[in-house]
Amino acid sequence: MVNMNDVSVWVAEYSFRTPSMSNCKGFHFIRAIDNESESDLQDRVFSEIDAELKKNHEQFEVTGGSINPHIMKSNQ
């Protein structure tokens, strides 16, 4: 398990569908916040994904996803 405070940037990989497209994939990068809980991170990521998808699609359904560390903080 990764210590959440060791992460600088997270990446969310998600799948979604619209009425005219199925099995779509997306990536979303998000800056880490120190001492953020896992549930707060999930809420923040999927809120941003929701807003991003609403810009391009009137109707959509997120069908799956995961959040993983993308860039770790250096050990300086």
N, C-alpha and C. Protein backbone atom coordinates (compact mmCIF):
# COMPACT_ATOMS: atom_id res chain seq x y z
N MET A 1 0.84 -1.19 0.00
CA MET A 1 0.00 0.00 0.00
C MET A 1 0.88 1.25 0.00
N VAL A 2 0.51 2.22 -0.76
CA VAL A 2 1.25 3.46 -0.89
C VAL A 2 0.80 4.44 0.20
N ASN A 3 1.76 5.12 0.81
CA ASN A 3 1.42 6.20 1.73
C ASN A 3 0.91 7.36 0.89
N MET A 4 -0.31 7.78 1.12
CA MET A 4 -0.91 8.82 0.28
C MET A 4 -0.13 10.13 0.32
N ASN A 5 0.56 10.41 1.42
CA ASN A 5 1.34 11.64 1.52
C ASN A 5 2.66 11.58 0.74
N ASP A 6 3.00 10.41 0.20
CA ASP A 6 4.19 10.28 -0.64
C ASP A 6 3.90 10.55 -2.11
N VAL A 7 2.63 10.77 -2.45
CA VAL A 7 2.23 10.95 -3.84
C VAL A 7 2.11 12.44 -4.15
N SER A 8 2.63 12.82 -5.32
CA SER A 8 2.53 14.20 -5.78
C SER A 8 1.37 14.37 -6.77
N VAL A 9 1.21 13.38 -7.67
CA VAL A 9 0.15 13.42 -8.68
C VAL A 9 -0.49 12.04 -8.78
N TRP A 10 -1.81 12.03 -8.82
CA TRP A 10 -2.59 10.81 -9.01
C TRP A 10 -3.08 10.76 -10.45
N VAL A 11 -3.33 9.55 -10.95
CA VAL A 11 -3.97 9.38 -12.25
C VAL A 11 -5.20 8.49 -12.05
N ALA A 12 -6.30 8.95 -12.60
CA ALA A 12 -7.52 8.16 -12.60
C ALA A 12 -7.72 7.62 -14.01
N GLU A 13 -7.86 6.32 -14.12
CA GLU A 13 -8.19 5.68 -15.39
C GLU A 13 -9.64 5.24 -15.25
N TYR A 14 -10.48 5.65 -16.20
CA TYR A 14 -11.90 5.34 -16.06
C TYR A 14 -12.50 4.93 -17.40
N SER A 15 -13.62 4.26 -17.32
CA SER A 15 -14.37 3.88 -18.51
C SER A 15 -15.76 4.49 -18.39
N PHE A 16 -16.32 4.80 -19.55
CA PHE A 16 -17.66 5.39 -19.57
C PHE A 16 -18.34 5.07 -20.89
N ARG A 17 -19.62 5.34 -20.93
CA ARG A 17 -20.37 5.17 -22.17
C ARG A 17 -21.35 6.31 -22.32
N THR A 18 -21.72 6.55 -23.56
CA THR A 18 -22.73 7.55 -23.90
C THR A 18 -23.79 6.84 -24.74
N PRO A 19 -24.89 7.50 -25.05
CA PRO A 19 -25.89 6.83 -25.89
C PRO A 19 -25.35 6.39 -27.26
N SER A 20 -24.35 7.11 -27.79
CA SER A 20 -23.84 6.77 -29.12
C SER A 20 -22.50 6.03 -29.10
N MET A 21 -21.86 5.92 -27.93
CA MET A 21 -20.55 5.26 -27.84
C MET A 21 -20.52 4.36 -26.61
N SER A 22 -19.89 3.22 -26.76
CA SER A 22 -19.72 2.33 -25.61
C SER A 22 -18.25 2.03 -25.41
N ASN A 23 -17.90 1.60 -24.22
CA ASN A 23 -16.54 1.18 -23.90
C ASN A 23 -15.51 2.29 -24.15
N CYS A 24 -15.82 3.51 -23.75
CA CYS A 24 -14.89 4.63 -23.87
C CYS A 24 -13.93 4.62 -22.68
N LYS A 25 -12.74 5.12 -22.89
CA LYS A 25 -11.71 5.17 -21.83
C LYS A 25 -11.24 6.60 -21.66
N GLY A 26 -10.87 6.94 -20.44
CA GLY A 26 -10.34 8.27 -20.16
C GLY A 26 -9.29 8.23 -19.07
N PHE A 27 -8.48 9.27 -19.04
CA PHE A 27 -7.46 9.45 -18.00
C PHE A 27 -7.62 10.84 -17.43
N HIS A 28 -7.42 10.97 -16.13
CA HIS A 28 -7.51 12.28 -15.49
C HIS A 28 -6.39 12.36 -14.45
N PHE A 29 -5.59 13.42 -14.55
CA PHE A 29 -4.48 13.63 -13.62
C PHE A 29 -4.90 14.68 -12.60
N ILE A 30 -4.54 14.44 -11.34
CA ILE A 30 -4.96 15.35 -10.28
C ILE A 30 -3.85 15.49 -9.25
N ARG A 31 -3.62 16.72 -8.83
CA ARG A 31 -2.58 17.02 -7.84
C ARG A 31 -2.98 16.43 -6.49
N ALA A 32 -2.02 15.87 -5.81
CA ALA A 32 -2.26 15.31 -4.48
C ALA A 32 -2.35 16.43 -3.45
N ILE A 33 -3.13 16.21 -2.42
CA ILE A 33 -3.26 17.13 -1.29
C ILE A 33 -2.79 16.38 -0.04
N ASP A 34 -1.87 16.99 0.70
CA ASP A 34 -1.36 16.34 1.91
C ASP A 34 -2.48 16.05 2.90
N ASN A 35 -2.40 14.90 3.53
CA ASN A 35 -3.32 14.44 4.57
C ASN A 35 -4.76 14.28 4.08
N GLU A 36 -4.94 14.10 2.79
CA GLU A 36 -6.28 13.87 2.24
C GLU A 36 -6.63 12.39 2.44
N SER A 37 -7.85 12.14 2.86
CA SER A 37 -8.28 10.75 3.04
C SER A 37 -8.55 10.12 1.67
N GLU A 38 -8.54 8.80 1.64
CA GLU A 38 -8.80 8.09 0.40
C GLU A 38 -10.21 8.40 -0.12
N SER A 39 -11.18 8.47 0.77
CA SER A 39 -12.55 8.76 0.33
C SER A 39 -12.67 10.19 -0.20
N ASP A 40 -11.95 11.14 0.41
CA ASP A 40 -11.98 12.52 -0.10
C ASP A 40 -11.32 12.60 -1.48
N LEU A 41 -10.23 11.86 -1.67
CA LEU A 41 -9.57 11.82 -2.98
C LEU A 41 -10.52 11.25 -4.02
N GLN A 42 -11.19 10.15 -3.70
CA GLN A 42 -12.13 9.55 -4.64
C GLN A 42 -13.25 10.52 -4.99
N ASP A 43 -13.80 11.20 -3.99
CA ASP A 43 -14.87 12.17 -4.25
C ASP A 43 -14.38 13.29 -5.16
N ARG A 44 -13.18 13.79 -4.89
CA ARG A 44 -12.62 14.90 -5.67
C ARG A 44 -12.33 14.47 -7.11
N VAL A 45 -11.74 13.30 -7.27
CA VAL A 45 -11.41 12.82 -8.62
C VAL A 45 -12.67 12.61 -9.44
N PHE A 46 -13.64 11.91 -8.89
CA PHE A 46 -14.83 11.61 -9.68
C PHE A 46 -15.71 12.84 -9.88
N SER A 47 -15.63 13.82 -9.02
CA SER A 47 -16.31 15.09 -9.25
C SER A 47 -15.68 15.81 -10.44
N GLU A 48 -14.35 15.80 -10.53
CA GLU A 48 -13.67 16.43 -11.66
C GLU A 48 -13.92 15.68 -12.96
N ILE A 49 -13.95 14.35 -12.90
CA ILE A 49 -14.26 13.55 -14.09
C ILE A 49 -15.67 13.85 -14.56
N ASP A 50 -16.61 13.92 -13.63
CA ASP A 50 -18.00 14.24 -13.96
C ASP A 50 -18.08 15.59 -14.67
N ALA A 51 -17.42 16.60 -14.13
CA ALA A 51 -17.44 17.94 -14.74
C ALA A 51 -16.80 17.92 -16.12
N GLU A 52 -15.72 17.18 -16.27
CA GLU A 52 -15.03 17.09 -17.56
C GLU A 52 -15.91 16.42 -18.61
N LEU A 53 -16.57 15.33 -18.24
CA LEU A 53 -17.43 14.63 -19.19
C LEU A 53 -18.66 15.46 -19.56
N LYS A 54 -19.18 16.24 -18.62
CA LYS A 54 -20.35 17.08 -18.91
C LYS A 54 -20.05 18.14 -19.96
N LYS A 55 -18.79 18.55 -20.08
CA LYS A 55 -18.41 19.53 -21.09
C LYS A 55 -18.60 18.99 -22.51
N ASN A 56 -18.43 17.69 -22.68
CA ASN A 56 -18.44 17.09 -24.02
C ASN A 56 -19.63 16.18 -24.31
N HIS A 57 -20.35 15.78 -23.28
CA HIS A 57 -21.43 14.81 -23.48
C HIS A 57 -22.65 15.22 -22.66
N GLU A 58 -23.81 15.25 -23.31
CA GLU A 58 -25.04 15.55 -22.58
C GLU A 58 -25.40 14.40 -21.63
N GLN A 59 -25.23 13.19 -22.11
CA GLN A 59 -25.54 12.01 -21.31
C GLN A 59 -24.34 11.08 -21.30
N PHE A 60 -24.01 10.56 -20.15
CA PHE A 60 -22.91 9.62 -20.02
C PHE A 60 -23.10 8.83 -18.74
N GLU A 61 -22.42 7.71 -18.68
CA GLU A 61 -22.40 6.90 -17.46
C GLU A 61 -20.98 6.40 -17.25
N VAL A 62 -20.39 6.72 -16.11
CA VAL A 62 -19.09 6.18 -15.75
C VAL A 62 -19.32 4.73 -15.32
N THR A 63 -18.61 3.81 -15.96
CA THR A 63 -18.85 2.39 -15.72
C THR A 63 -17.76 1.70 -14.91
N GLY A 64 -16.67 2.39 -14.65
CA GLY A 64 -15.60 1.81 -13.85
C GLY A 64 -14.42 2.75 -13.78
N GLY A 65 -13.51 2.43 -12.89
CA GLY A 65 -12.32 3.26 -12.80
C GLY A 65 -11.42 2.88 -11.64
N SER A 66 -10.22 3.43 -11.69
CA SER A 66 -9.26 3.23 -10.61
C SER A 66 -8.40 4.48 -10.49
N ILE A 67 -7.87 4.68 -9.29
CA ILE A 67 -6.99 5.81 -9.02
C ILE A 67 -5.66 5.24 -8.55
N ASN A 68 -4.58 5.68 -9.19
CA ASN A 68 -3.25 5.16 -8.86
C ASN A 68 -2.24 6.29 -8.78
N PRO A 69 -1.16 6.09 -8.02
CA PRO A 69 -0.09 7.09 -7.99
C PRO A 69 0.52 7.23 -9.38
N HIS A 70 0.82 8.47 -9.76
CA HIS A 70 1.46 8.71 -11.06
C HIS A 70 2.86 9.27 -10.87
N ILE A 71 3.00 10.27 -10.01
CA ILE A 71 4.30 10.86 -9.70
C ILE A 71 4.45 10.89 -8.19
N MET A 72 5.56 10.35 -7.73
CA MET A 72 5.84 10.32 -6.30
C MET A 72 6.69 11.54 -5.92
N LYS A 73 6.54 11.98 -4.69
CA LYS A 73 7.38 13.06 -4.17
C LYS A 73 8.80 12.52 -4.03
N SER A 74 9.77 13.39 -4.22
CA SER A 74 11.16 12.96 -4.07
C SER A 74 11.50 12.85 -2.58
N ASN A 75 12.50 12.10 -2.27
CA ASN A 75 12.94 11.92 -0.88
C ASN A 75 14.04 12.91 -0.55
N GLN A 76 13.75 14.16 -0.63
CA GLN A 76 14.76 15.20 -0.37
C GLN A 76 14.82 15.53 1.08
